[in-house]
Protein backbone atom coordinates (compact mmCIF):
# COMPACT_ATOMS: atom_id res chain seq x y z
CA MET A 1 150.45 250.05 52.38
CA ILE A 2 149.06 247.58 49.85
CA GLY A 3 148.96 243.85 50.61
CA ARG A 4 147.87 241.84 47.61
CA TYR A 5 147.58 243.87 44.41
CA LEU A 6 147.44 243.72 40.63
CA GLN A 7 150.17 245.76 38.97
CA ILE A 8 149.64 247.07 35.43
CA LEU A 9 152.81 246.58 33.39
CA SER A 10 151.49 248.03 30.14
CA THR A 11 148.19 248.97 28.56
CA GLY A 12 146.68 251.42 26.10
CA PRO A 13 143.46 253.43 26.14
CA GLY A 14 140.26 251.77 27.18
CA ALA A 15 141.26 249.68 30.21
CA SER A 16 139.37 250.61 33.37
CA VAL A 17 137.90 249.38 36.63
CA GLN A 18 134.18 248.66 36.26
CA ASP A 19 131.34 247.18 38.28
CA ARG A 20 127.56 247.29 37.95
CA GLY A 21 127.53 251.08 38.01
CA ARG A 22 125.55 253.71 39.90
CA PRO A 23 121.81 253.21 39.39
CA GLY A 24 119.61 255.96 40.80
CA TRP A 25 122.07 258.85 40.47
CA GLN A 26 121.11 260.18 37.04
CA ARG A 27 118.67 262.65 38.59
CA TYR A 28 121.76 264.35 40.01
CA GLY A 29 123.62 264.33 36.68
CA VAL A 30 125.59 261.11 37.30
CA VAL A 31 124.88 258.32 34.83
CA ASN A 32 124.73 254.63 35.75
CA GLY A 33 127.91 253.69 33.84
CA GLY A 34 129.45 250.37 34.83
CA ALA A 35 130.38 247.34 32.74
CA MET A 36 129.39 247.56 29.08
CA ASP A 37 128.57 243.84 28.96
CA ARG A 38 126.60 242.96 32.10
CA ILE A 39 126.19 239.35 30.96
CA ALA A 40 129.96 238.81 30.79
CA PHE A 41 130.41 240.72 34.04
CA ASP A 42 127.94 238.49 35.89
CA GLU A 43 129.61 235.40 34.43
CA GLY A 44 132.85 236.46 36.10
CA LEU A 45 131.10 236.91 39.44
CA VAL A 46 129.68 233.39 39.21
CA LEU A 47 132.97 231.79 38.16
CA LEU A 48 134.73 233.15 41.26
CA GLY A 49 131.85 233.29 43.71
CA ASN A 50 132.26 237.07 43.98
CA GLY A 51 129.56 239.28 45.43
CA PRO A 52 127.45 241.63 43.29
CA ASP A 53 129.40 244.71 44.41
CA CYS A 54 132.80 243.37 43.25
CA ALA A 55 134.68 245.26 40.53
CA ALA A 56 136.73 243.88 37.62
CA LEU A 57 138.98 245.14 34.84
CA GLU A 58 137.38 245.98 31.50
CA VAL A 59 139.74 245.80 28.50
CA SER A 60 138.82 246.99 25.01
CA VAL A 61 141.01 248.31 22.19
CA SER A 62 144.48 247.66 23.61
CA ALA A 63 146.49 244.79 25.04
CA LEU A 64 147.03 244.62 28.77
CA ARG A 65 149.94 243.11 30.71
CA ALA A 66 149.67 242.75 34.46
CA VAL A 67 151.21 240.80 37.32
CA ILE A 68 149.82 239.55 40.62
CA ARG A 69 151.83 240.70 43.65
CA GLY A 70 151.59 239.90 47.35
CA GLY A 71 149.95 236.49 47.14
CA PRO A 72 148.11 234.01 44.91
CA ALA A 73 144.82 234.72 43.23
CA ARG A 74 141.88 233.14 41.52
CA ILE A 75 141.05 234.87 38.24
CA ALA A 76 138.33 234.58 35.60
CA LEU A 77 138.26 235.72 31.98
CA THR A 78 134.95 236.63 30.33
CA GLY A 79 133.47 238.77 27.56
CA ALA A 80 134.77 239.06 24.01
CA VAL A 81 137.39 236.36 23.46
CA CYS A 82 140.99 237.48 23.31
CA ASP A 83 144.36 235.76 23.29
CA ALA A 84 145.08 235.53 27.02
CA ARG A 85 148.25 234.02 28.50
CA ARG A 86 149.73 233.26 31.89
CA ASN A 87 153.53 233.31 31.75
CA GLY A 88 153.26 232.70 28.02
CA THR A 89 150.84 229.76 28.27
CA ALA A 90 147.37 230.17 26.77
CA MET A 91 144.46 230.37 29.21
CA ARG A 92 140.98 229.00 28.62
CA TRP A 93 138.30 231.63 28.10
CA CYS A 94 135.15 231.95 30.23
CA SER A 95 136.84 230.00 33.02
CA SER A 96 138.33 230.43 36.49
CA GLN A 97 141.98 229.62 37.14
CA HIS A 98 144.58 229.82 39.90
CA VAL A 99 147.62 232.09 39.54
CA GLU A 100 150.62 232.54 41.82
CA THR A 101 152.23 235.75 42.97
CA GLY A 102 154.61 236.99 40.29
CA ASP A 103 152.66 235.37 37.44
CA GLU A 104 152.43 237.65 34.41
CA LEU A 105 149.08 237.91 32.65
CA LEU A 106 148.67 239.07 29.05
CA MET A 107 145.38 239.96 27.38
CA ARG A 108 145.57 240.98 23.74
CA PRO A 109 142.78 243.12 22.20
CA PRO A 110 139.47 241.25 21.97
CA SER A 111 138.37 239.61 18.72
CA GLY A 112 134.77 238.94 17.82
CA GLY A 113 133.66 241.61 20.26
CA ALA A 114 134.66 244.87 21.90
CA PHE A 115 135.05 244.29 25.65
CA ALA A 116 136.81 241.62 27.70
CA TYR A 117 136.96 241.27 31.49
CA LEU A 118 139.59 240.16 33.98
CA HIS A 119 138.07 239.26 37.35
CA VAL A 120 140.01 238.58 40.56
CA ASP A 121 138.68 236.81 43.65
CA GLY A 122 137.15 239.40 45.97
CA GLY A 123 137.20 242.05 43.26
CA ILE A 124 139.31 245.15 42.63
CA ASN A 125 139.35 246.97 45.97
CA THR A 126 139.56 250.62 44.92
CA ALA A 127 137.67 253.17 47.01
CA PRO A 128 133.93 253.36 46.20
CA VAL A 129 132.51 256.69 45.06
CA LEU A 130 128.74 257.21 45.21
CA CYS A 131 128.27 253.57 46.20
CA ALA A 132 130.28 252.11 43.28
CA ARG A 133 133.83 251.60 41.98
CA ALA A 134 132.97 252.01 38.29
CA THR A 135 135.29 254.41 36.45
CA HIS A 136 133.65 257.37 34.73
CA PRO A 137 136.55 259.31 33.17
CA ARG A 138 134.47 262.27 31.99
CA SER A 139 133.51 263.14 35.54
CA GLY A 140 136.73 261.82 37.08
CA ILE A 141 135.10 259.52 39.62
CA GLY A 142 135.51 255.87 40.54
CA GLY A 143 138.19 253.35 39.67
CA LEU A 144 141.72 254.59 40.21
CA ASP A 145 141.65 258.38 40.48
CA GLY A 146 138.67 258.47 38.12
CA ARG A 147 140.73 257.63 35.02
CA CYS A 148 141.59 254.79 32.67
CA LEU A 149 144.52 252.60 33.64
CA ARG A 150 148.15 253.11 32.66
CA ALA A 151 151.49 251.39 33.16
CA GLY A 152 152.67 251.34 36.77
CA ASP A 153 149.21 251.42 38.37
CA ARG A 154 148.69 249.20 41.40
CA LEU A 155 145.16 248.00 41.98
CA PRO A 156 144.54 246.86 45.56
CA LEU A 157 142.94 243.47 46.16
CA VAL A 158 141.32 242.05 49.26
CA ALA A 159 143.04 239.19 51.11
CA TYR A 160 143.09 235.91 49.18
CA ARG A 161 139.81 234.04 49.41
CA GLN A 162 139.51 230.29 49.03
CA GLY A 163 136.70 229.44 46.67
CA PRO A 164 135.66 227.88 43.37
CA CYS A 165 138.38 227.47 40.77
CA GLY A 166 139.03 225.36 37.69
CA GLN A 167 135.50 225.86 36.37
CA VAL A 168 134.12 226.90 33.01
CA LEU A 169 130.87 228.31 31.64
CA PRO A 170 129.45 227.73 28.14
CA GLU A 171 130.26 230.42 25.60
CA PRO A 172 127.47 233.02 25.64
CA ASP A 173 125.22 233.47 22.61
CA HIS A 174 125.06 237.26 22.59
CA LEU A 175 128.62 237.70 21.28
CA SER A 176 127.54 236.40 17.85
CA GLN A 177 124.18 238.19 17.79
CA ARG A 178 123.77 240.40 14.70
CA GLU A 179 120.10 241.35 15.02
CA ILE A 180 119.51 243.99 17.67
CA ARG A 181 115.92 244.54 18.77
CA PHE A 182 114.60 248.04 19.45
CA LEU A 183 111.52 250.00 20.42
CA TRP A 184 110.52 253.19 18.64
CA GLY A 185 111.74 256.16 20.65
CA PRO A 186 110.00 259.33 21.86
CA HIS A 187 110.83 261.23 18.65
CA ALA A 188 110.08 258.54 16.07
CA GLY A 189 107.07 260.61 15.01
CA LEU A 190 109.43 263.19 13.47
CA TYR A 191 110.10 260.65 10.72
CA SER A 192 107.62 259.44 8.11
CA ALA A 193 106.51 255.81 7.86
CA ARG A 194 108.71 255.48 4.75
CA GLU A 195 111.75 256.85 6.58
CA ARG A 196 111.19 254.52 9.54
CA LYS A 197 110.86 251.58 7.16
CA MET A 198 114.15 252.56 5.51
CA PHE A 199 115.73 252.76 8.98
CA GLU A 200 114.66 249.16 9.67
CA ALA A 201 115.86 247.93 6.28
CA THR A 202 119.33 249.48 6.56
CA GLU A 203 122.36 247.31 7.26
CA PHE A 204 124.41 249.27 9.78
CA ARG A 205 128.00 248.94 10.92
CA ILE A 206 129.62 250.17 14.10
CA SER A 207 131.91 253.07 13.25
CA ALA A 208 135.44 253.43 14.60
CA GLN A 209 134.05 256.57 16.26
CA ARG A 210 133.03 254.75 19.40
CA ASP A 211 133.82 254.87 23.10
CA ARG A 212 132.05 254.03 26.34
CA MET A 213 129.70 256.98 25.81
CA GLY A 214 128.34 256.02 22.40
CA ALA A 215 128.93 254.50 18.97
CA ARG A 216 128.08 256.05 15.62
CA LEU A 217 126.22 253.80 13.17
CA VAL A 218 127.29 254.02 9.54
CA SER A 219 125.73 252.56 6.40
CA ARG A 220 126.29 252.55 2.66
CA ARG A 221 123.36 254.87 2.08
CA PRO A 222 121.93 257.60 4.31
CA ALA A 223 119.48 255.92 6.66
CA LEU A 224 117.80 259.10 7.88
CA PRO A 225 117.34 262.64 6.54
CA PRO A 226 119.43 265.36 8.21
CA GLY A 227 118.19 268.29 10.22
CA ARG A 228 115.12 266.80 11.92
CA GLY A 229 114.12 267.85 15.43
CA LEU A 230 117.16 270.00 16.15
CA ASN A 231 115.14 272.62 18.04
CA GLY A 232 113.88 270.17 20.65
CA ILE A 233 114.23 270.66 24.41
CA SER A 234 116.87 268.57 26.18
CA ASP A 235 115.50 265.85 28.44
CA ALA A 236 116.68 262.64 30.08
CA VAL A 237 118.23 259.92 27.93
CA VAL A 238 118.69 256.25 28.75
CA ARG A 239 121.21 253.56 27.91
CA GLY A 240 120.49 252.17 24.44
CA ASP A 241 118.81 255.30 23.06
CA ILE A 242 119.58 255.88 19.37
CA GLN A 243 119.85 259.61 18.77
CA VAL A 244 120.18 261.26 15.39
CA ALA A 245 122.73 264.01 14.84
CA GLY A 246 122.17 267.00 12.58
CA ASP A 247 123.75 265.19 9.61
CA GLY A 248 121.30 262.29 9.96
CA THR A 249 123.82 259.85 11.44
CA PRO A 250 122.41 257.68 14.26
CA THR A 251 124.41 257.09 17.44
CA VAL A 252 123.57 254.44 20.01
CA LEU A 253 124.18 255.67 23.55
CA LEU A 254 126.21 253.27 25.68
CA ALA A 255 126.99 252.87 29.39
CA ASP A 256 128.64 256.27 29.94
CA HIS A 257 126.00 258.25 28.01
CA GLN A 258 125.27 261.83 29.01
CA PRO A 259 122.37 262.35 31.49
CA THR A 260 120.35 264.54 29.10
CA GLY A 261 120.32 265.22 25.38
CA GLY A 262 118.61 267.40 22.80
CA TYR A 263 119.07 265.37 19.62
CA PRO A 264 115.96 263.46 18.49
CA ARG A 265 115.86 259.85 19.68
CA ILE A 266 114.27 257.69 17.04
CA ALA A 267 114.65 254.36 18.84
CA THR A 268 115.95 252.55 21.93
CA VAL A 269 117.77 249.21 22.00
CA ILE A 270 115.89 246.89 24.35
CA SER A 271 117.64 246.11 27.64
CA ALA A 272 117.97 242.40 26.82
CA ASP A 273 120.02 243.22 23.70
CA PHE A 274 122.19 246.00 25.09
CA ALA A 275 125.17 243.73 25.86
CA ALA A 276 125.03 242.28 22.34
CA CYS A 277 124.90 245.79 20.88
CA ALA A 278 127.82 247.03 23.01
CA GLN A 279 129.92 244.03 21.97
CA LEU A 280 129.44 244.50 18.21
CA PRO A 281 132.93 244.64 16.66
CA THR A 282 133.89 247.80 14.81
CA GLY A 283 132.90 247.40 11.15
CA SER A 284 130.67 244.41 11.79
CA PRO A 285 127.35 244.50 9.87
CA PHE A 286 124.11 244.17 11.82
CA ARG A 287 120.43 245.05 11.57
CA LEU A 288 117.99 246.75 13.89
CA VAL A 289 114.75 244.77 14.32
CA GLN A 290 111.66 246.49 15.69
CA THR A 291 109.76 244.79 18.53
CA ASP A 292 107.07 245.79 21.01
CA LEU A 293 107.10 246.52 24.72
CA GLU A 294 105.56 243.18 25.70
CA HIS A 295 108.24 241.19 23.87
CA ALA A 296 110.97 243.47 25.26
CA ARG A 297 109.79 242.78 28.80
CA GLU A 298 109.58 239.04 28.14
CA ALA A 299 113.11 239.01 26.69
CA LEU A 300 114.49 240.84 29.73
CA ALA A 301 112.70 238.53 32.17
CA ARG A 302 114.03 235.50 30.27
CA GLN A 303 117.58 236.90 30.31
CA ARG A 304 117.42 237.60 34.05
CA GLU A 305 116.21 234.06 34.65
CA GLU A 306 119.09 232.64 32.60
CA LEU A 307 121.61 234.75 34.53
CA SER A 308 120.17 233.60 37.86
CA ARG A 309 120.79 229.99 36.77
CA LEU A 310 124.42 230.51 35.75
CA PRO A 311 125.75 228.64 38.82
CA GLU A 312 123.97 225.52 37.56
CA ALA A 313 125.90 225.76 34.26
CA LEU A 314 129.35 225.61 35.88
CA ALA A 315 131.42 222.63 34.77
CA PRO A 316 134.95 221.41 35.61
CA LEU A 317 137.70 222.89 33.46
CA ARG A 318 139.36 219.97 31.67
CA ARG A 319 142.89 220.57 30.46
CA CYS A 320 145.20 218.33 28.46
CA PRO A 321 148.30 217.46 30.55
CA SER A 322 150.51 218.32 27.56
CA GLU A 323 149.25 221.92 27.81
CA ILE A 324 150.14 222.25 31.52
CA GLY A 325 153.65 223.56 32.01
CA ASP A 326 153.57 223.13 35.80
CA LEU A 327 152.12 219.64 36.29
CA LEU A 328 153.49 219.23 39.82
CA SER A 329 151.51 222.24 41.07
CA ASN A 330 148.22 220.96 39.65
CA GLN A 331 145.80 218.49 41.20
CA LEU A 332 145.20 215.83 38.54
CA VAL A 333 143.22 213.34 40.66
CA GLY A 334 140.38 214.50 42.85
CA GLY A 335 139.39 211.22 44.52
CA VAL A 336 139.23 207.42 44.30
CA ALA A 337 136.47 204.92 43.78
CA SER A 338 136.13 201.37 45.02
CA ALA A 339 135.49 198.68 42.43
CA GLN A 340 133.66 196.68 45.13
CA ASP A 341 131.27 199.46 46.14
CA PRO A 342 128.20 199.74 43.84
CA GLU A 343 127.57 203.28 45.11
CA THR A 344 130.82 204.51 43.50
CA TRP A 345 130.69 202.72 40.15
CA ASN A 346 126.90 202.82 39.78
CA GLY A 347 126.49 199.90 37.44
CA PHE A 348 129.64 200.15 35.30
CA ALA A 349 131.19 196.75 34.63
């Protein structure tokens, strides 16, 4: 039936299989979806040498316990940092590591962010739906039976692949970003210059009313007047749109946003800052900073260039021997050098 697999021992709401989503299907009423933090997701692909179509586990508000069955695995941990352990021993974040069959993995809820990722070599091998494995619970497609994960689930994996392991990437900057850039949206004209200025000056916080579809933004004072633009015609919305409900509360639309909407959209988070916005911890203060289209395009091009160069940033994972509970199963020396060969010591006395 299943060869190698990842078995979920326990988890709460919010854990799901995700990949890069389903671009191009919104015209048929199916949103892109996919990983909330594409930066962290791509980091996992690079750490393991996985292909762009590989899927991973996304963990948010609850702890997750899982075990590898049917063979060894290479895993990587990325995204918002959380207390992660292998058989009770802490694991380094933003790194790739080797695990044996039967090893138990624990990921506690993320801190300093909202979404963490567990990647396995070759990816989670659930059946693709509409060219992707991303879970979209509202439509019941993708992942495992189109739903979030629960205890007892078995996620199939491809056969074990030899590849890079014991590597680490620098901690990403976007997890600490507290200024989110935006462009004025198609309905910004419904609000006066004074109201838009107040919107920019407001310190927002991410409400506990958040999920993969959207997050309500709260503030100490009303940022926008209620009741504007409620008789508009529904049209297409995009990831990062900030729509304003009838009570004047803004909501930023996230990866699983609805295909169309009728609420006025005052602004849109630029693509380069979407991952930072999605990772904002609940209750964390932040500000929205207006920019223009030229700078938004430059920021996205710069981010794509940085992501394309991630393989160059890989470095060996250095661990203190006192922290390794299974020294005999680890390779501590990778080679030898001759003291008589200048090519190996390169000038050291």
